Protein backbone atom coordinates (compact mmCIF):
# COMPACT_ATOMS: atom_id res chain seq x y z
CA MET A 1 35.58 20.01 40.98
CA THR A 2 34.31 21.25 44.35
CA ALA A 3 35.61 20.01 47.69
CA THR A 4 32.32 18.25 48.33
CA GLU A 5 32.44 16.40 45.03
CA GLY A 6 36.02 15.43 45.70
CA ASP A 7 35.13 14.03 49.14
CA LEU A 8 32.29 11.97 47.69
CA ARG A 9 34.51 10.59 44.92
CA ARG A 10 37.13 9.54 47.44
CA LEU A 11 34.63 7.50 49.46
CA PRO A 12 35.27 3.74 49.38
CA ALA A 13 33.17 1.54 47.14
CA ALA A 14 31.22 0.28 50.17
CA ALA A 15 29.85 3.80 50.62
CA SER A 16 28.72 4.20 47.00
CA TRP A 17 25.13 3.62 48.10
CA ARG A 18 25.14 7.06 49.73
CA THR A 19 23.66 8.96 46.82
CA PRO A 20 22.34 12.49 47.41
CA LEU A 21 18.79 11.11 47.49
CA VAL A 22 19.67 8.52 50.15
CA ILE A 23 21.46 11.17 52.22
CA VAL A 24 18.48 13.52 52.09
CA VAL A 25 15.88 10.81 52.81
CA CYS A 26 17.81 9.38 55.78
CA GLY A 27 18.57 12.84 57.14
CA CYS A 28 14.93 13.88 56.89
CA ALA A 29 13.88 10.66 58.64
CA ILE A 30 16.28 11.45 61.51
CA ALA A 31 14.92 15.00 61.78
CA LEU A 32 11.36 13.64 61.80
CA LEU A 33 12.07 11.05 64.49
CA SER A 34 14.07 13.37 66.75
CA PHE A 35 11.64 16.30 66.67
CA GLY A 36 8.43 14.28 66.96
CA PRO A 37 8.51 13.09 70.60
CA ARG A 38 9.98 16.37 71.80
CA SER A 39 6.99 18.28 70.41
CA SER A 40 4.55 15.82 72.03
CA LEU A 41 5.79 15.92 75.63
CA GLY A 42 3.11 18.44 76.63
CA PHE A 43 0.49 15.69 76.32
CA PHE A 44 2.12 13.81 79.22
CA ILE A 45 1.58 16.64 81.70
CA GLN A 46 -1.93 15.64 82.70
CA PRO A 47 -1.65 11.83 82.91
CA MET A 48 1.69 11.94 84.76
CA GLY A 49 0.45 14.80 86.93
CA ARG A 50 -2.57 12.74 87.99
CA GLU A 51 -0.39 9.67 88.59
CA PHE A 52 2.12 11.42 90.87
CA SER A 53 0.11 14.46 92.05
CA TRP A 54 2.54 16.83 90.34
CA GLY A 55 1.72 20.39 89.40
CA ARG A 56 2.48 21.80 85.98
CA ASP A 57 5.41 23.67 87.44
CA VAL A 58 7.23 20.31 87.76
CA PHE A 59 6.94 19.69 84.04
CA GLY A 60 7.63 23.32 83.23
CA LEU A 61 10.97 23.15 85.01
CA ALA A 62 11.98 19.80 83.47
CA LEU A 63 11.21 20.90 79.93
CA ALA A 64 12.83 24.29 80.51
CA VAL A 65 16.02 22.44 81.50
CA GLN A 66 15.65 20.36 78.35
CA ASN A 67 15.42 23.38 76.07
CA LEU A 68 18.28 25.16 77.84
CA LEU A 69 20.63 22.17 77.56
CA TRP A 70 19.55 21.52 73.97
CA GLY A 71 20.66 25.04 73.11
CA LEU A 72 23.87 24.95 75.15
CA GLY A 73 24.79 21.52 73.82
CA GLN A 74 24.41 22.30 70.12
CA PRO A 75 27.68 24.23 69.61
CA VAL A 76 29.53 21.56 71.61
CA ALA A 77 27.94 18.78 69.55
CA GLY A 78 28.79 20.67 66.37
CA ALA A 79 32.42 21.08 67.42
CA ILE A 80 32.71 17.37 68.24
CA ALA A 81 31.08 16.47 64.92
CA ASP A 82 33.58 18.65 63.05
CA ARG A 83 36.46 16.94 64.85
CA PHE A 84 35.32 13.31 64.84
CA GLY A 85 32.52 13.15 62.28
CA VAL A 86 28.72 13.44 62.46
CA LEU A 87 28.01 9.70 62.78
CA ARG A 88 29.35 9.28 66.32
CA VAL A 89 27.60 12.37 67.63
CA ILE A 90 24.21 11.39 66.18
CA CYS A 91 24.48 7.84 67.58
CA VAL A 92 25.35 9.07 71.09
CA GLY A 93 22.58 11.66 70.91
CA ALA A 94 20.00 9.03 69.88
CA VAL A 95 21.00 6.74 72.77
CA LEU A 96 20.76 9.63 75.26
CA TYR A 97 17.37 10.60 73.82
CA ALA A 98 16.01 7.06 74.11
CA GLY A 99 17.43 6.78 77.63
CA GLY A 100 15.76 10.04 78.64
CA LEU A 101 12.37 8.85 77.40
CA LEU A 102 12.75 5.57 79.28
CA MET A 103 13.76 7.44 82.42
CA MET A 104 10.62 9.55 82.04
CA ARG A 105 8.59 6.35 81.93
CA TYR A 106 10.07 5.24 85.27
CA SER A 107 10.21 8.67 86.90
CA GLY A 108 8.72 8.74 90.36
CA THR A 109 10.14 12.02 91.64
CA PRO A 110 10.56 15.51 90.17
CA LEU A 111 14.35 15.05 90.26
CA SER A 112 14.23 11.91 88.13
CA LEU A 113 11.94 13.73 85.69
CA ASP A 114 14.41 16.62 85.51
CA ILE A 115 17.24 14.19 84.70
CA GLY A 116 15.28 12.17 82.14
CA ALA A 117 13.10 14.73 80.38
CA GLY A 118 15.51 17.59 81.07
CA VAL A 119 19.17 16.55 81.03
CA LEU A 120 19.20 13.35 78.93
CA ILE A 121 16.68 14.43 76.30
CA GLY A 122 18.18 17.94 76.17
CA PHE A 123 21.69 16.68 75.43
CA GLY A 124 20.25 13.94 73.22
CA LEU A 125 18.47 16.50 71.06
CA SER A 126 21.66 18.54 70.69
CA GLY A 127 23.38 15.45 69.28
CA CYS A 128 20.77 13.94 66.96
CA SER A 129 18.26 16.60 65.94
CA PHE A 130 18.09 18.63 62.75
CA ASN A 131 21.07 20.87 63.62
CA LEU A 132 23.45 17.94 62.96
CA VAL A 133 21.38 16.78 59.99
CA LEU A 134 21.60 20.18 58.30
CA SER A 135 25.33 20.31 59.01
CA ALA A 136 25.79 16.92 57.31
CA PHE A 137 23.73 18.08 54.32
CA ASN A 138 25.97 21.10 53.97
CA LYS A 139 29.09 18.89 53.91
CA LEU A 140 27.86 15.99 51.79
CA LEU A 141 25.63 17.56 49.13
CA PRO A 142 26.66 19.63 46.10
CA PRO A 143 25.90 23.37 46.32
CA GLU A 144 23.03 23.29 43.83
CA ARG A 145 21.09 20.82 46.01
CA ARG A 146 21.76 22.29 49.43
CA GLY A 147 19.00 24.90 49.47
CA VAL A 148 16.16 22.44 48.84
CA ALA A 149 17.81 19.83 51.09
CA LEU A 150 18.11 22.28 53.99
CA GLY A 151 14.47 23.27 53.55
CA ALA A 152 13.45 19.59 53.41
CA GLY A 153 15.46 18.80 56.57
CA THR A 154 13.74 21.60 58.47
CA ALA A 155 10.35 20.61 57.08
CA ALA A 156 10.93 17.01 58.14
CA GLY A 157 11.26 18.11 61.75
CA SER A 158 7.92 19.86 61.45
CA PHE A 159 6.45 16.75 59.80
CA GLY A 160 7.56 14.85 62.90
CA GLN A 161 5.49 17.29 64.95
CA PHE A 162 2.58 16.79 62.56
CA LEU A 163 2.73 12.99 62.94
CA PHE A 164 3.71 12.54 66.56
CA ALA A 165 1.22 14.93 68.16
CA PRO A 166 -1.94 12.97 67.25
CA PHE A 167 0.03 9.69 67.38
CA GLY A 168 1.14 10.41 70.93
CA VAL A 169 -2.39 11.32 72.01
CA ALA A 170 -3.71 8.07 70.52
CA LEU A 171 -1.04 6.02 72.31
CA ILE A 172 -1.78 7.66 75.66
CA ASP A 173 -5.55 7.25 75.27
CA ASN A 174 -5.41 3.60 74.18
CA PHE A 175 -2.35 2.16 75.93
CA GLY A 176 -1.36 4.61 78.67
CA TRP A 177 1.43 7.16 79.01
CA GLN A 178 3.96 4.51 80.11
CA THR A 179 3.59 2.53 76.88
CA ALA A 180 3.66 5.71 74.81
CA LEU A 181 7.05 6.69 76.25
CA VAL A 182 8.47 3.19 75.66
CA VAL A 183 7.29 3.29 72.03
CA PHE A 184 8.87 6.73 71.57
CA ALA A 185 12.15 5.44 73.03
CA ALA A 186 12.18 2.44 70.69
CA LEU A 187 11.57 4.69 67.68
CA MET A 188 14.57 6.83 68.64
CA LEU A 189 16.83 3.80 68.18
CA LEU A 190 15.90 3.79 64.47
CA ILE A 191 18.15 6.84 64.20
CA LEU A 192 21.22 4.62 64.67
CA PRO A 193 21.05 2.81 61.29
CA LEU A 194 19.76 5.92 59.51
CA SER A 195 22.79 7.90 60.68
CA LEU A 196 25.13 5.70 58.60
CA ALA A 197 24.05 7.67 55.52
CA LEU A 198 25.22 10.94 57.10
CA ALA A 199 28.72 9.81 58.11
CA THR A 200 31.29 12.55 57.49
CA PRO A 201 35.07 12.33 57.89
CA GLY A 202 36.58 13.96 60.96
CA ALA A 203 38.90 16.93 60.64
CA LYS A 204 42.55 16.13 60.01
CA THR A 205 44.57 18.50 62.17
CA GLU A 206 47.89 16.72 62.37
CA HIS A 207 49.25 18.55 59.30
CA VAL A 208 47.71 21.92 60.23
CA PRO A 209 50.06 24.36 62.00
CA ALA A 210 49.00 25.17 65.55
CA SER A 211 48.81 28.84 64.64
CA ASP A 212 46.12 28.05 62.03
CA GLN A 213 43.94 25.90 64.31
CA GLN A 214 40.97 27.82 65.64
CA SER A 215 39.89 27.23 69.23
CA PHE A 216 36.27 26.76 70.26
CA LYS A 217 36.27 30.11 72.09
CA THR A 218 37.76 31.92 69.08
CA ALA A 219 35.20 30.37 66.74
CA LEU A 220 32.31 31.54 68.93
CA ALA A 221 33.81 35.03 69.20
CA GLU A 222 34.15 35.25 65.42
CA ALA A 223 30.59 34.00 64.89
CA PHE A 224 29.01 36.45 67.35
CA GLY A 225 31.05 39.24 65.80
CA HIS A 226 29.10 38.74 62.56
CA ARG A 227 25.92 40.81 62.45
CA SER A 228 23.98 38.34 60.28
CA TYR A 229 24.81 35.50 62.66
CA VAL A 230 23.56 37.48 65.65
CA LEU A 231 20.30 38.28 63.86
CA LEU A 232 19.93 34.59 62.96
CA VAL A 233 20.43 33.57 66.59
CA LEU A 234 17.83 36.11 67.74
CA GLY A 235 15.39 34.71 65.20
CA PHE A 236 15.91 31.17 66.44
CA PHE A 237 15.55 32.38 70.04
CA THR A 238 12.16 33.91 69.25
CA CYS A 239 11.02 30.81 67.35
CA GLY A 240 12.19 28.40 70.04
CA PHE A 241 10.67 30.40 72.90
CA GLN A 242 7.17 30.52 71.47
CA LEU A 243 7.20 26.99 70.03
CA ALA A 244 8.43 25.41 73.27
CA PHE A 245 5.83 27.33 75.28
CA VAL A 246 2.98 26.39 72.93
CA THR A 247 3.82 22.67 72.59
CA VAL A 248 4.28 22.24 76.35
CA HIS A 249 1.37 24.21 77.78
CA LEU A 250 -1.28 24.54 75.04
CA PRO A 251 -2.63 20.94 75.26
CA ALA A 252 -3.33 21.17 79.00
CA TYR A 253 -4.75 24.69 78.61
CA LEU A 254 -7.23 23.49 75.97
CA VAL A 255 -8.40 20.72 78.30
CA ASP A 256 -8.90 23.36 81.01
CA ARG A 257 -11.18 25.20 78.57
CA GLY A 258 -13.28 22.08 77.94
CA ILE A 259 -11.64 21.10 74.64
CA SER A 260 -10.62 17.47 74.10
CA THR A 261 -7.03 16.25 74.18
CA GLN A 262 -7.46 14.95 70.62
CA THR A 263 -8.20 18.48 69.44
CA GLY A 264 -5.02 19.67 71.17
CA GLY A 265 -3.08 17.02 69.29
CA TRP A 266 -4.38 18.22 65.95
CA VAL A 267 -3.73 21.86 66.86
CA ILE A 268 -0.04 21.06 67.44
CA ALA A 269 -0.04 18.99 64.25
CA VAL A 270 -1.42 21.88 62.18
CA ILE A 271 1.37 24.15 63.44
CA GLY A 272 3.86 21.60 62.14
CA LEU A 273 1.99 21.23 58.85
CA PHE A 274 2.17 24.91 57.99
CA ASN A 275 5.82 25.05 59.02
CA ILE A 276 6.45 22.32 56.43
CA ILE A 277 5.01 24.55 53.73
CA GLY A 278 7.08 27.51 54.88
CA SER A 279 10.34 25.55 55.16
CA LEU A 280 10.05 23.97 51.72
CA SER A 281 9.11 27.31 50.17
CA VAL A 282 12.10 29.08 51.71
CA GLY A 283 14.42 26.25 50.65
CA TRP A 284 13.16 26.55 47.06
CA MET A 285 13.52 30.35 47.10
CA GLN A 286 17.07 30.14 48.46
CA ASN A 287 18.31 28.82 45.14
CA ARG A 288 16.66 31.67 43.21
CA PHE A 289 17.02 34.79 45.34
CA PRO A 290 19.74 36.28 47.57
């Protein structure tokens, strides 16, 4: 019996509803919800810019702060999740995310936009996006199901991009950017009940000798000393750089070229659609090839 199977068998009867299917479905829903609004923020550049007479550099800085803090916060969020369990971290991240979207709605200065769209959403993403979902999958699912589940979790984030890009454009066009942000914030609160399916036990360190407990700094040093890990980080850096740039600036650029905002929404959606195909394919191949 594997450690994962043993952990699942020791769960109380009240948690028996957390079958592998429920875990994967709820985790994918969280990834979808958390990645969707983040990939649609570029559509708010023009309406908010017209409202407050802001240049695109204002949004560029705010969303750059967001991406930077999302990246810096992920190892911290992961360490806290290992110590206290995934559930608490995801719930706090979802609340920060919703708060950041609401603060965007009431932003009247570049500084308030930096705090809402940059700081709150950045740290919120680090606590409730697919990085924590994939970590929970790895802990809760048996080895033979992890490959497909990890691919599905990544694909779900892209499906959020596919859904939220045209959905966000439609909300802005029909109800205004303020209402769109409020709707996005309300949807982020759905992550709270969904996260119950991903609850993992915290680490028990009271019986572990101090000499065997690894510090955060030592763990990072060990990880970056592994060649495959460094290559993986470089790959994510490349992916994140181009995706963040495209989702933020492409919609406004297309409007500059005389192309409608709706077309920009579908362009972003198509990027997410093809990433779904790639993620599921790689997850399927992971169980069959090295």
